[in-house]
Amino acid sequence: MPDGVNTTAKAGEPLLTVAARAGVHISSGCLAGACHACEIEITGEEEPTLACLRSIPEGVEAIEITMFDDPTW
């Protein structure tokens, strides 16, 4: 999470839910992947992803998320 925020999560939990529980706001619009407002980058993945469509992966001990700052959202 940004700014050194850490939290715990279970595999399968939606990323937006985990972020909200940690007090981190990830902008979202349509919640269906069409608007790209929730685009984030997960360290180790080649392409940005949409937080509204992602959940915590199985078998991963830790993930690091970089959020994009879009003043529109």
C-alpha atoms as a PDB file:
ATOM      1  CA  MET A   1       0.000   0.000   0.000  1.00  0.00           C
ATOM      2  CA  PRO A   2       1.161   3.597  -0.397  1.00  0.00           C
ATOM      3  CA  ASP A   3       3.090   5.554   2.224  1.00  0.00           C
ATOM      4  CA  GLY A   4       4.269   2.453   4.038  1.00  0.00           C
ATOM      5  CA  VAL A   5       0.768   1.375   5.100  1.00  0.00           C
ATOM      6  CA  ASN A   6       0.685  -2.336   5.904  1.00  0.00           C
ATOM      7  CA  THR A   7      -2.253  -4.601   6.537  1.00  0.00           C
ATOM      8  CA  THR A   8      -3.097  -8.280   6.509  1.00  0.00           C
ATOM      9  CA  ALA A   9      -5.519  -9.972   4.170  1.00  0.00           C
ATOM     10  CA  LYS A  10      -6.786 -13.386   3.219  1.00  0.00           C
ATOM     11  CA  ALA A  11      -6.475 -14.866  -0.250  1.00  0.00           C
ATOM     12  CA  GLY A  12      -9.548 -14.036  -2.282  1.00  0.00           C
ATOM     13  CA  GLU A  13     -10.389 -10.766  -0.509  1.00  0.00           C
ATOM     14  CA  PRO A  14     -11.090  -7.916  -2.962  1.00  0.00           C
ATOM     15  CA  LEU A  15      -8.237  -5.405  -3.127  1.00  0.00           C
ATOM     16  CA  LEU A  16     -10.631  -2.475  -2.686  1.00  0.00           C
ATOM     17  CA  THR A  17     -11.950  -4.010   0.534  1.00  0.00           C
ATOM     18  CA  VAL A  18      -8.455  -4.592   1.923  1.00  0.00           C
ATOM     19  CA  ALA A  19      -7.379  -1.055   1.040  1.00  0.00           C
ATOM     20  CA  ALA A  20     -10.473   0.464   2.668  1.00  0.00           C
ATOM     21  CA  ARG A  21      -9.896  -1.565   5.833  1.00  0.00           C
ATOM     22  CA  ALA A  22      -6.336  -0.201   5.934  1.00  0.00           C
ATOM     23  CA  GLY A  23      -7.647   3.362   5.589  1.00  0.00           C
ATOM     24  CA  VAL A  24      -6.309   3.759   2.047  1.00  0.00           C
ATOM     25  CA  HIS A  25      -8.630   5.229  -0.568  1.00  0.00           C
ATOM     26  CA  ILE A  26      -8.319   3.813  -4.067  1.00  0.00           C
ATOM     27  CA  SER A  27     -10.401   5.869  -6.466  1.00  0.00           C
ATOM     28  CA  SER A  28     -13.111   3.917  -8.218  1.00  0.00           C
ATOM     29  CA  GLY A  29     -15.886   4.756 -10.588  1.00  0.00           C
ATOM     30  CA  CYS A  30     -17.809   2.010 -12.309  1.00  0.00           C
ATOM     31  CA  LEU A  31     -16.515  -0.929 -10.217  1.00  0.00           C
ATOM     32  CA  ALA A  32     -16.603  -3.032 -13.389  1.00  0.00           C
ATOM     33  CA  GLY A  33     -13.260  -2.179 -15.001  1.00  0.00           C
ATOM     34  CA  ALA A  34     -14.547   0.120 -17.727  1.00  0.00           C
ATOM     35  CA  CYS A  35     -13.472   3.508 -16.347  1.00  0.00           C
ATOM     36  CA  HIS A  36      -9.924   2.591 -15.185  1.00  0.00           C
ATOM     37  CA  ALA A  37     -10.216   4.946 -12.192  1.00  0.00           C
ATOM     38  CA  CYS A  38      -8.856   2.242  -9.881  1.00  0.00           C
ATOM     39  CA  GLU A  39      -5.748   1.437 -11.917  1.00  0.00           C
ATOM     40  CA  ILE A  40      -2.851   0.351  -9.702  1.00  0.00           C
ATOM     41  CA  GLU A  41       0.498  -1.307 -10.143  1.00  0.00           C
ATOM     42  CA  ILE A  42       1.444  -4.440  -8.227  1.00  0.00           C
ATOM     43  CA  THR A  43       5.185  -4.902  -7.824  1.00  0.00           C
ATOM     44  CA  GLY A  44       6.407  -7.827  -9.887  1.00  0.00           C
ATOM     45  CA  GLU A  45       3.605  -7.677 -12.438  1.00  0.00           C
ATOM     46  CA  GLU A  46       4.384  -6.356 -15.897  1.00  0.00           C
ATOM     47  CA  GLU A  47       1.222  -4.356 -16.485  1.00  0.00           C
ATOM     48  CA  PRO A  48      -0.970  -2.106 -14.347  1.00  0.00           C
ATOM     49  CA  THR A  49      -4.177  -3.718 -13.120  1.00  0.00           C
ATOM     50  CA  LEU A  50      -7.607  -2.591 -11.986  1.00  0.00           C
ATOM     51  CA  ALA A  51      -8.177  -2.865  -8.242  1.00  0.00           C
ATOM     52  CA  CYS A  52     -11.933  -3.309  -8.694  1.00  0.00           C
ATOM     53  CA  LEU A  53     -11.345  -6.555 -10.575  1.00  0.00           C
ATOM     54  CA  ARG A  54      -8.547  -7.986  -8.449  1.00  0.00           C
ATOM     55  CA  SER A  55      -8.407  -9.903  -5.229  1.00  0.00           C
ATOM     56  CA  ILE A  56      -5.571 -11.018  -2.986  1.00  0.00           C
ATOM     57  CA  PRO A  57      -3.815 -13.876  -4.790  1.00  0.00           C
ATOM     58  CA  GLU A  58      -3.328 -17.303  -3.219  1.00  0.00           C
ATOM     59  CA  GLY A  59       0.116 -18.430  -2.138  1.00  0.00           C
ATOM     60  CA  VAL A  60       1.633 -14.954  -1.957  1.00  0.00           C
ATOM     61  CA  GLU A  61       3.093 -13.821   1.343  1.00  0.00           C
ATOM     62  CA  ALA A  62       3.234 -10.116   0.496  1.00  0.00           C
ATOM     63  CA  ILE A  63       2.305  -7.755  -2.321  1.00  0.00           C
ATOM     64  CA  GLU A  64       3.309  -4.147  -2.825  1.00  0.00           C
ATOM     65  CA  ILE A  65       0.880  -1.772  -4.497  1.00  0.00           C
ATOM     66  CA  THR A  66       1.662   1.533  -6.191  1.00  0.00           C
ATOM     67  CA  MET A  67      -1.289   3.797  -6.841  1.00  0.00           C
ATOM     68  CA  PHE A  68      -1.487   6.291  -9.658  1.00  0.00           C
ATOM     69  CA  ASP A  69      -2.511   9.822  -8.740  1.00  0.00           C
ATOM     70  CA  ASP A  70      -5.266  10.943 -11.111  1.00  0.00           C
ATOM     71  CA  PRO A  71      -6.790  14.271 -10.054  1.00  0.00           C
ATOM     72  CA  THR A  72      -9.914  13.486 -12.105  1.00  0.00           C
ATOM     73  CA  TRP A  73     -11.027  10.918  -9.505  1.00  0.00           C
END
